[in-house]
Structures are given as structure tokens and as C-alpha cells.
Amino acid sequence: MIADFRSNRCLEERRTSGAVLVEAAIALSLFFLFLVSMIDFSIASFRTQLLSHIANRVGREAIIHGPGVKSTYRGGQWGPGTFRTTLSGTDPVAQVAQTVSAGLPRDEVSITLTWPAGNNQVGSPVVVTVEMPWTPSMLRPMSVTVVTLHGISRQYIVH
């Protein structure tokens, strides 16, 4: 009778340890999914903030490249046509952006400058848009780009 009690107890312990193993696997999977999602969101937030900073920095440079700038200063007068470049470019706009772009893939970042008023006179606006594609790490194996991160700055020409 004692032997029967012990064998039933061992069988019951094996069943519960199997259930605990399954529950732990589910809980750990959800925990790691949550952890990776938080890391992805943090990276996207950092990159968005950095793109906004680049747009602001390029915008601050663009507002002093109006009609009163000397032709020898960083490419002279900028605008009023739309100007596009990438972070890996060698033009003055890309060089300004490269000074504050630590950690971004240079070939993927596009920079666009527009002058909505159609001129670059003092008081006219200049809009800088900086964009890059971003794929969360969970979707990278599928080669899907889900979001385009961007930073925008609108400033007025002062010089």
C-alpha cells in the first residue's frame, strides 16, 4: 500500500513539473517578446529624435544662406529650388548633417530642403525634411519596412 502511494505521488509530480515547464516556456516567450519590442521602440524613438535634430541643425544652417551670404561660405547662397541629398553626400548640406548624425546608416537617410515661398529672401521659410526607413527587429527576417521615420524643421531666413 505504501509503494502504491509513492508511485502515484511520483506520477503526479511528473505531470505538474511538465505543466510548469509549459507555463514557463509561454511566460518567457512573452517576456522576451516584450523586451525586444521595448528595445525596438527605444531605437525608433532615438532615431526619430536624431532625425529631428539633424533637420533642426540643417535648418539653422539654411536660414543664414539667404541672399546676404558670401559665396565663399559653405557653398554660398542655398535655394530657392528644392534640394535633395543623402547623409552620405559630399555637398555642404550633407556635411552639416554629418556633424550630428552619429549612429545612423548614412545611405538610408535622405535630406530634402524646400523653400515654400519660392524664394530665399529674408523672412521667407525654409523647410527641412529628414527621413529614413526603419524595420523592427522582429520583422527583419521578412525584409519588410514598416515605418518611415522623419524629422521636420521649418525656419525663417534671417541673413
N, C-alpha and C. Protein backbone atom coordinates (compact mmCIF):
# COMPACT_ATOMS: atom_id res chain seq x y z
N MET A 1 0.82 -1.19 0.00
CA MET A 1 0.00 0.00 0.00
C MET A 1 0.87 1.26 0.00
N ILE A 2 1.95 1.26 0.76
CA ILE A 2 2.85 2.41 0.79
C ILE A 2 3.51 2.58 -0.57
N ALA A 3 3.89 1.50 -1.23
CA ALA A 3 4.52 1.57 -2.53
C ALA A 3 3.57 2.17 -3.57
N ASP A 4 2.26 1.80 -3.49
CA ASP A 4 1.27 2.37 -4.41
C ASP A 4 1.15 3.88 -4.20
N PHE A 5 1.15 4.32 -2.98
CA PHE A 5 1.04 5.74 -2.66
C PHE A 5 2.24 6.51 -3.22
N ARG A 6 3.44 5.95 -3.06
CA ARG A 6 4.64 6.61 -3.57
C ARG A 6 4.64 6.67 -5.09
N SER A 7 4.26 5.62 -5.79
CA SER A 7 4.26 5.62 -7.25
C SER A 7 3.22 6.60 -7.79
N ASN A 8 2.06 6.69 -7.14
CA ASN A 8 1.05 7.67 -7.57
C ASN A 8 1.55 9.09 -7.35
N ARG A 9 2.26 9.30 -6.25
CA ARG A 9 2.80 10.63 -5.94
C ARG A 9 3.86 11.03 -6.97
N CYS A 10 4.72 10.10 -7.38
CA CYS A 10 5.74 10.39 -8.39
C CYS A 10 5.10 10.72 -9.73
N LEU A 11 4.05 9.97 -10.09
CA LEU A 11 3.35 10.24 -11.34
C LEU A 11 2.73 11.64 -11.32
N GLU A 12 2.14 12.01 -10.21
CA GLU A 12 1.52 13.33 -10.09
C GLU A 12 2.57 14.44 -10.16
N GLU A 13 3.73 14.25 -9.54
CA GLU A 13 4.80 15.24 -9.59
C GLU A 13 5.32 15.41 -11.01
N ARG A 14 5.42 14.33 -11.77
CA ARG A 14 5.88 14.43 -13.15
C ARG A 14 4.90 15.23 -13.99
N ARG A 15 3.61 15.03 -13.78
CA ARG A 15 2.61 15.76 -14.54
C ARG A 15 2.66 17.25 -14.22
N THR A 16 2.79 17.60 -12.95
CA THR A 16 2.83 19.02 -12.59
C THR A 16 4.13 19.65 -13.04
N SER A 17 5.25 18.92 -13.01
CA SER A 17 6.50 19.52 -13.48
C SER A 17 6.44 19.76 -14.99
N GLY A 18 5.74 18.93 -15.73
CA GLY A 18 5.55 19.16 -17.16
C GLY A 18 4.69 20.39 -17.40
N ALA A 19 3.68 20.58 -16.60
CA ALA A 19 2.81 21.75 -16.73
C ALA A 19 3.59 23.02 -16.39
N VAL A 20 4.43 22.96 -15.38
CA VAL A 20 5.25 24.11 -15.01
C VAL A 20 6.21 24.46 -16.14
N LEU A 21 6.77 23.46 -16.77
CA LEU A 21 7.69 23.69 -17.88
C LEU A 21 6.97 24.39 -19.05
N VAL A 22 5.77 23.95 -19.38
CA VAL A 22 5.00 24.57 -20.46
C VAL A 22 4.64 26.01 -20.09
N GLU A 23 4.19 26.24 -18.86
CA GLU A 23 3.85 27.59 -18.41
C GLU A 23 5.06 28.51 -18.43
N ALA A 24 6.22 28.00 -18.02
CA ALA A 24 7.44 28.81 -18.03
C ALA A 24 7.84 29.16 -19.46
N ALA A 25 7.70 28.22 -20.37
CA ALA A 25 8.04 28.49 -21.77
C ALA A 25 7.15 29.58 -22.34
N ILE A 26 5.87 29.54 -22.05
CA ILE A 26 4.94 30.57 -22.54
C ILE A 26 5.26 31.92 -21.91
N ALA A 27 5.47 31.93 -20.60
CA ALA A 27 5.75 33.19 -19.91
C ALA A 27 7.07 33.80 -20.38
N LEU A 28 8.12 33.00 -20.54
CA LEU A 28 9.40 33.52 -21.00
C LEU A 28 9.32 34.02 -22.45
N SER A 29 8.55 33.33 -23.28
CA SER A 29 8.38 33.80 -24.66
C SER A 29 7.73 35.17 -24.69
N LEU A 30 6.70 35.35 -23.90
CA LEU A 30 6.03 36.65 -23.83
C LEU A 30 6.94 37.72 -23.25
N PHE A 31 7.72 37.36 -22.25
CA PHE A 31 8.66 38.32 -21.65
C PHE A 31 9.69 38.78 -22.66
N PHE A 32 10.29 37.85 -23.41
CA PHE A 32 11.30 38.22 -24.40
C PHE A 32 10.70 39.00 -25.57
N LEU A 33 9.48 38.68 -25.95
CA LEU A 33 8.79 39.46 -26.98
C LEU A 33 8.60 40.90 -26.51
N PHE A 34 8.17 41.07 -25.27
CA PHE A 34 8.00 42.39 -24.68
C PHE A 34 9.34 43.13 -24.59
N LEU A 35 10.39 42.43 -24.19
CA LEU A 35 11.71 43.04 -24.06
C LEU A 35 12.25 43.52 -25.41
N VAL A 36 12.15 42.67 -26.42
CA VAL A 36 12.62 43.04 -27.76
C VAL A 36 11.78 44.19 -28.32
N SER A 37 10.49 44.18 -28.07
CA SER A 37 9.63 45.28 -28.52
C SER A 37 10.01 46.59 -27.86
N MET A 38 10.33 46.56 -26.58
CA MET A 38 10.77 47.78 -25.89
C MET A 38 12.09 48.30 -26.46
N ILE A 39 13.01 47.40 -26.75
CA ILE A 39 14.29 47.81 -27.34
C ILE A 39 14.05 48.41 -28.72
N ASP A 40 13.21 47.77 -29.54
CA ASP A 40 12.88 48.31 -30.86
C ASP A 40 12.25 49.70 -30.77
N PHE A 41 11.31 49.87 -29.87
CA PHE A 41 10.66 51.17 -29.70
C PHE A 41 11.67 52.22 -29.25
N SER A 42 12.59 51.84 -28.38
CA SER A 42 13.62 52.78 -27.92
C SER A 42 14.54 53.19 -29.07
N ILE A 43 14.91 52.24 -29.91
CA ILE A 43 15.76 52.57 -31.07
C ILE A 43 15.02 53.50 -32.02
N ALA A 44 13.74 53.21 -32.28
CA ALA A 44 12.96 54.07 -33.17
C ALA A 44 12.82 55.47 -32.59
N SER A 45 12.60 55.58 -31.28
CA SER A 45 12.49 56.89 -30.63
C SER A 45 13.80 57.65 -30.71
N PHE A 46 14.91 56.97 -30.47
CA PHE A 46 16.22 57.61 -30.55
C PHE A 46 16.48 58.12 -31.96
N ARG A 47 16.21 57.28 -32.96
CA ARG A 47 16.46 57.68 -34.34
C ARG A 47 15.55 58.83 -34.77
N THR A 48 14.30 58.82 -34.34
CA THR A 48 13.40 59.92 -34.66
C THR A 48 13.90 61.22 -34.05
N GLN A 49 14.34 61.15 -32.82
CA GLN A 49 14.89 62.34 -32.16
C GLN A 49 16.14 62.83 -32.89
N LEU A 50 16.99 61.91 -33.31
CA LEU A 50 18.20 62.28 -34.04
C LEU A 50 17.87 62.89 -35.41
N LEU A 51 16.87 62.35 -36.10
CA LEU A 51 16.45 62.92 -37.38
C LEU A 51 15.91 64.34 -37.18
N SER A 52 15.17 64.56 -36.11
CA SER A 52 14.66 65.90 -35.81
C SER A 52 15.81 66.86 -35.52
N HIS A 53 16.81 66.36 -34.81
CA HIS A 53 17.98 67.19 -34.50
C HIS A 53 18.74 67.55 -35.78
N ILE A 54 18.88 66.58 -36.69
CA ILE A 54 19.55 66.85 -37.96
C ILE A 54 18.77 67.89 -38.76
N ALA A 55 17.43 67.74 -38.82
CA ALA A 55 16.60 68.70 -39.55
C ALA A 55 16.75 70.09 -38.94
N ASN A 56 16.78 70.19 -37.63
CA ASN A 56 16.94 71.48 -36.97
C ASN A 56 18.31 72.08 -37.28
N ARG A 57 19.34 71.27 -37.24
CA ARG A 57 20.70 71.77 -37.49
C ARG A 57 20.86 72.23 -38.93
N VAL A 58 20.35 71.45 -39.89
CA VAL A 58 20.43 71.85 -41.29
C VAL A 58 19.57 73.09 -41.53
N GLY A 59 18.40 73.16 -40.87
CA GLY A 59 17.55 74.34 -40.99
C GLY A 59 18.24 75.59 -40.46
N ARG A 60 18.92 75.48 -39.34
CA ARG A 60 19.66 76.62 -38.78
C ARG A 60 20.76 77.08 -39.73
N GLU A 61 21.37 76.13 -40.42
CA GLU A 61 22.40 76.50 -41.40
C GLU A 61 21.75 77.13 -42.64
N ALA A 62 20.60 76.61 -43.06
CA ALA A 62 19.94 77.11 -44.27
C ALA A 62 19.45 78.55 -44.10
N ILE A 63 19.04 78.93 -42.89
CA ILE A 63 18.50 80.28 -42.72
C ILE A 63 19.56 81.36 -42.81
N ILE A 64 20.82 81.00 -42.74
CA ILE A 64 21.87 82.01 -42.91
C ILE A 64 22.47 81.96 -44.31
N HIS A 65 21.89 81.14 -45.19
CA HIS A 65 22.35 81.06 -46.58
C HIS A 65 21.38 81.75 -47.52
N GLY A 66 20.87 82.88 -47.09
CA GLY A 66 19.99 83.69 -47.92
C GLY A 66 20.79 84.56 -48.87
N PRO A 67 20.18 85.63 -49.37
CA PRO A 67 20.85 86.47 -50.37
C PRO A 67 22.06 87.24 -49.84
N GLY A 68 22.18 87.41 -48.53
CA GLY A 68 23.28 88.20 -47.99
C GLY A 68 24.54 87.41 -47.65
N VAL A 69 24.57 86.12 -47.91
CA VAL A 69 25.72 85.32 -47.55
C VAL A 69 26.83 85.45 -48.60
N LYS A 70 28.07 85.37 -48.16
CA LYS A 70 29.20 85.42 -49.09
C LYS A 70 29.29 84.10 -49.85
N SER A 71 29.69 84.17 -51.10
CA SER A 71 29.75 82.97 -51.94
C SER A 71 30.81 81.98 -51.48
N THR A 72 31.75 82.42 -50.66
CA THR A 72 32.81 81.54 -50.18
C THR A 72 32.42 80.77 -48.92
N TYR A 73 31.28 81.11 -48.30
CA TYR A 73 30.88 80.47 -47.05
C TYR A 73 30.02 79.24 -47.31
N ARG A 74 30.56 78.05 -47.12
CA ARG A 74 29.86 76.76 -47.21
C ARG A 74 28.89 76.66 -48.38
N GLY A 75 29.36 76.94 -49.55
CA GLY A 75 28.51 76.77 -50.74
C GLY A 75 27.72 78.01 -51.11
N GLY A 76 27.89 79.10 -50.39
CA GLY A 76 27.20 80.34 -50.73
C GLY A 76 25.71 80.28 -50.50
N GLN A 77 24.98 80.90 -51.42
CA GLN A 77 23.53 81.00 -51.28
C GLN A 77 22.87 79.65 -51.58
N TRP A 78 21.91 79.23 -50.71
CA TRP A 78 21.18 77.99 -50.91
C TRP A 78 19.77 78.35 -51.39
N GLY A 79 19.21 77.51 -52.24
CA GLY A 79 17.83 77.67 -52.65
C GLY A 79 17.69 78.58 -53.84
N PRO A 80 16.52 78.91 -54.27
CA PRO A 80 15.22 78.58 -53.69
C PRO A 80 14.60 77.30 -54.24
N GLY A 81 15.28 76.57 -55.12
CA GLY A 81 14.72 75.32 -55.63
C GLY A 81 14.80 74.21 -54.60
N THR A 82 14.04 73.16 -54.81
CA THR A 82 14.08 72.00 -53.92
C THR A 82 15.43 71.32 -54.06
N PHE A 83 16.01 70.96 -52.93
CA PHE A 83 17.33 70.32 -52.92
C PHE A 83 17.24 69.01 -52.15
N ARG A 84 17.73 67.93 -52.77
CA ARG A 84 17.71 66.61 -52.12
C ARG A 84 19.13 66.06 -52.06
N THR A 85 19.44 65.40 -50.96
CA THR A 85 20.73 64.74 -50.81
C THR A 85 20.56 63.60 -49.81
N THR A 86 21.60 62.82 -49.65
CA THR A 86 21.61 61.80 -48.61
C THR A 86 22.68 62.16 -47.60
N LEU A 87 22.65 61.48 -46.49
CA LEU A 87 23.62 61.74 -45.43
C LEU A 87 25.04 61.37 -45.86
N SER A 88 25.16 60.52 -46.88
CA SER A 88 26.48 60.12 -47.35
C SER A 88 27.02 61.06 -48.42
N GLY A 89 26.29 62.13 -48.76
CA GLY A 89 26.72 63.06 -49.80
C GLY A 89 27.93 63.88 -49.39
N THR A 90 28.47 64.61 -50.37
CA THR A 90 29.65 65.45 -50.12
C THR A 90 29.32 66.93 -50.24
N ASP A 91 28.07 67.27 -50.49
CA ASP A 91 27.66 68.67 -50.62
C ASP A 91 27.62 69.34 -49.25
N PRO A 92 27.53 70.68 -49.21
CA PRO A 92 27.53 71.40 -47.92
C PRO A 92 26.39 70.99 -46.98
N VAL A 93 25.22 70.68 -47.53
CA VAL A 93 24.08 70.27 -46.68
C VAL A 93 24.40 68.95 -45.98
N ALA A 94 24.89 67.98 -46.71
CA ALA A 94 25.25 66.69 -46.12
C ALA A 94 26.37 66.84 -45.11
N GLN A 95 27.33 67.73 -45.39
CA GLN A 95 28.43 67.93 -44.45
C GLN A 95 27.94 68.50 -43.12
N VAL A 96 26.97 69.40 -43.17
CA VAL A 96 26.39 69.94 -41.94
C VAL A 96 25.67 68.82 -41.18
N ALA A 97 24.89 68.02 -41.90
CA ALA A 97 24.13 66.94 -41.26
C ALA A 97 25.04 65.86 -40.67
N GLN A 98 26.17 65.61 -41.31
CA GLN A 98 27.08 64.56 -40.84
C GLN A 98 27.68 64.89 -39.47
N THR A 99 27.73 66.16 -39.12
CA THR A 99 28.32 66.53 -37.83
C THR A 99 27.47 66.10 -36.64
N VAL A 100 26.17 65.83 -36.87
CA VAL A 100 25.28 65.47 -35.77
C VAL A 100 24.54 64.16 -36.02
N SER A 101 25.09 63.28 -36.84
CA SER A 101 24.36 62.08 -37.25
C SER A 101 24.96 60.78 -36.74
N ALA A 102 25.52 60.78 -35.57
CA ALA A 102 26.19 59.58 -35.06
C ALA A 102 25.23 58.40 -34.97
N GLY A 103 25.65 57.28 -35.52
CA GLY A 103 24.90 56.04 -35.37
C GLY A 103 23.84 55.77 -36.42
N LEU A 104 23.66 56.66 -37.39
CA LEU A 104 22.66 56.41 -38.43
C LEU A 104 23.31 55.83 -39.67
N PRO A 105 22.62 54.93 -40.36
CA PRO A 105 23.15 54.41 -41.62
C PRO A 105 23.09 55.51 -42.69
N ARG A 106 24.23 55.99 -43.12
CA ARG A 106 24.30 57.19 -43.97
C ARG A 106 23.62 57.04 -45.32
N ASP A 107 23.62 55.86 -45.90
CA ASP A 107 23.00 55.68 -47.22
C ASP A 107 21.47 55.67 -47.16
N GLU A 108 20.91 55.44 -45.98
CA GLU A 108 19.46 55.32 -45.86
C GLU A 108 18.77 56.63 -45.48
N VAL A 109 19.53 57.64 -45.10
CA VAL A 109 18.95 58.89 -44.63
C VAL A 109 18.88 59.89 -45.78
N SER A 110 17.68 60.37 -46.09
CA SER A 110 17.52 61.38 -47.15
C SER A 110 17.18 62.73 -46.52
N ILE A 111 17.72 63.78 -47.12
CA ILE A 111 17.52 65.15 -46.63
C ILE A 111 16.93 65.96 -47.78
N THR A 112 15.83 66.67 -47.51
CA THR A 112 15.19 67.49 -48.52
C THR A 112 14.99 68.90 -47.97
N LEU A 113 15.45 69.89 -48.72
CA LEU A 113 15.23 71.29 -48.37
C LEU A 113 14.28 71.90 -49.39
N THR A 114 13.25 72.59 -48.91
CA THR A 114 12.31 73.28 -49.80
C THR A 114 12.10 74.70 -49.29
N TRP A 115 11.83 75.58 -50.22
CA TRP A 115 11.51 76.97 -49.91
C TRP A 115 10.07 77.19 -50.37
N PRO A 116 9.08 77.05 -49.47
CA PRO A 116 7.66 77.11 -49.86
C PRO A 116 7.26 78.43 -50.53
N ALA A 117 7.90 79.53 -50.18
CA ALA A 117 7.55 80.82 -50.77
C ALA A 117 8.14 80.97 -52.18
N GLY A 118 9.00 80.06 -52.57
CA GLY A 118 9.59 80.12 -53.90
C GLY A 118 10.77 81.07 -54.00
N ASN A 119 11.23 81.59 -52.87
CA ASN A 119 12.41 82.45 -52.88
C ASN A 119 13.19 82.24 -51.59
N ASN A 120 14.38 82.78 -51.54
CA ASN A 120 15.17 82.66 -50.32
C ASN A 120 15.52 84.04 -49.76
N GLN A 121 14.52 84.91 -49.80
CA GLN A 121 14.69 86.25 -49.26
C GLN A 121 14.52 86.23 -47.74
N VAL A 122 15.04 87.26 -47.08
CA VAL A 122 14.92 87.37 -45.63
C VAL A 122 13.43 87.34 -45.25
N GLY A 123 13.10 86.50 -44.26
CA GLY A 123 11.72 86.35 -43.80
C GLY A 123 10.97 85.21 -44.46
N SER A 124 11.51 84.65 -45.53
CA SER A 124 10.86 83.52 -46.19
C SER A 124 11.20 82.22 -45.46
N PRO A 125 10.27 81.26 -45.46
CA PRO A 125 10.54 80.00 -44.75
C PRO A 125 11.39 79.02 -45.56
N VAL A 126 12.09 78.19 -44.84
CA VAL A 126 12.78 77.05 -45.43
C VAL A 126 12.36 75.83 -44.60
N VAL A 127 12.01 74.75 -45.28
CA VAL A 127 11.56 73.53 -44.62
C VAL A 127 12.56 72.42 -44.90
N VAL A 128 13.04 71.80 -43.84
CA VAL A 128 13.99 70.70 -43.97
C VAL A 128 13.29 69.43 -43.50
N THR A 129 13.30 68.41 -44.34
CA THR A 129 12.72 67.11 -44.00
C THR A 129 13.81 66.06 -44.09
N VAL A 130 13.98 65.30 -43.01
CA VAL A 130 14.99 64.23 -42.96
C VAL A 130 14.23 62.94 -42.71
N GLU A 131 14.43 61.94 -43.58
CA GLU A 131 13.70 60.68 -43.48
C GLU A 131 14.62 59.48 -43.61
N MET A 132 14.16 58.38 -43.01
CA MET A 132 14.85 57.10 -43.17
C MET A 132 13.88 55.96 -42.92
N PRO A 133 14.04 54.83 -43.62
CA PRO A 133 13.18 53.67 -43.35
C PRO A 133 13.64 52.97 -42.08
N TRP A 134 12.69 52.35 -41.40
CA TRP A 134 13.02 51.60 -40.18
C TRP A 134 12.19 50.33 -40.13
N THR A 135 12.87 49.24 -39.85
CA THR A 135 12.21 47.95 -39.72
C THR A 135 12.44 47.40 -38.33
N PRO A 136 11.38 47.08 -37.58
CA PRO A 136 11.56 46.46 -36.27
C PRO A 136 12.30 45.13 -36.40
N SER A 137 13.09 44.79 -35.41
CA SER A 137 13.93 43.59 -35.50
C SER A 137 13.12 42.31 -35.63
N MET A 138 11.89 42.29 -35.17
CA MET A 138 11.06 41.10 -35.30
C MET A 138 10.67 40.85 -36.76
N LEU A 139 10.66 41.91 -37.58
CA LEU A 139 10.24 41.77 -38.96
C LEU A 139 11.40 41.76 -39.95
N ARG A 140 12.62 41.92 -39.47
CA ARG A 140 13.78 41.95 -40.37
C ARG A 140 13.95 40.68 -41.18
N PRO A 141 13.72 39.50 -40.62
CA PRO A 141 13.88 38.28 -41.44
C PRO A 141 12.94 38.26 -42.64
N MET A 142 11.83 38.99 -42.57
CA MET A 142 10.87 39.02 -43.68
C MET A 142 11.16 40.15 -44.66
N SER A 143 12.19 40.97 -44.40
CA SER A 143 12.57 42.10 -45.25
C SER A 143 11.40 43.06 -45.50
N VAL A 144 10.68 43.38 -44.44
CA VAL A 144 9.54 44.29 -44.54
C VAL A 144 9.91 45.60 -43.86
N THR A 145 9.74 46.72 -44.57
CA THR A 145 9.94 48.03 -43.96
C THR A 145 8.58 48.55 -43.55
N VAL A 146 8.39 48.76 -42.28
CA VAL A 146 7.07 49.11 -41.78
C VAL A 146 6.89 50.62 -41.65
N VAL A 147 7.91 51.32 -41.21
CA VAL A 147 7.75 52.72 -40.86
C VAL A 147 8.83 53.57 -41.52
N THR A 148 8.46 54.77 -41.92
CA THR A 148 9.44 55.76 -42.33
C THR A 148 9.55 56.78 -41.21
N LEU A 149 10.70 56.84 -40.59
CA LEU A 149 10.92 57.81 -39.52
C LEU A 149 11.30 59.14 -40.16
N HIS A 150 10.89 60.24 -39.55
CA HIS A 150 11.23 61.53 -40.13
C HIS A 150 11.33 62.62 -39.07
N GLY A 151 12.09 63.63 -39.44
CA GLY A 151 12.21 64.84 -38.64
C GLY A 151 12.00 66.03 -39.56
N ILE A 152 11.25 67.02 -39.11
CA ILE A 152 10.94 68.19 -39.93
C ILE A 152 11.25 69.45 -39.15
N SER A 153 11.85 70.42 -39.85
CA SER A 153 12.13 71.71 -39.25
C SER A 153 11.72 72.80 -40.22
N ARG A 154 10.99 73.79 -39.73
CA ARG A 154 10.57 74.95 -40.54
C ARG A 154 11.13 76.19 -39.85
N GLN A 155 11.98 76.89 -40.58
CA GLN A 155 12.61 78.09 -40.01
C GLN A 155 12.57 79.19 -41.05
N TYR A 156 12.83 80.42 -40.60
CA TYR A 156 12.72 81.59 -41.48
C TYR A 156 14.10 82.20 -41.72
N ILE A 157 14.37 82.54 -42.96
CA ILE A 157 15.67 83.06 -43.36
C ILE A 157 15.93 84.39 -42.69
N VAL A 158 17.11 84.52 -42.09
CA VAL A 158 17.45 85.74 -41.36
C VAL A 158 18.64 86.47 -41.96
N HIS A 159 19.34 85.89 -42.90
CA HIS A 159 20.55 86.53 -43.41
C HIS A 159 20.73 86.27 -44.88
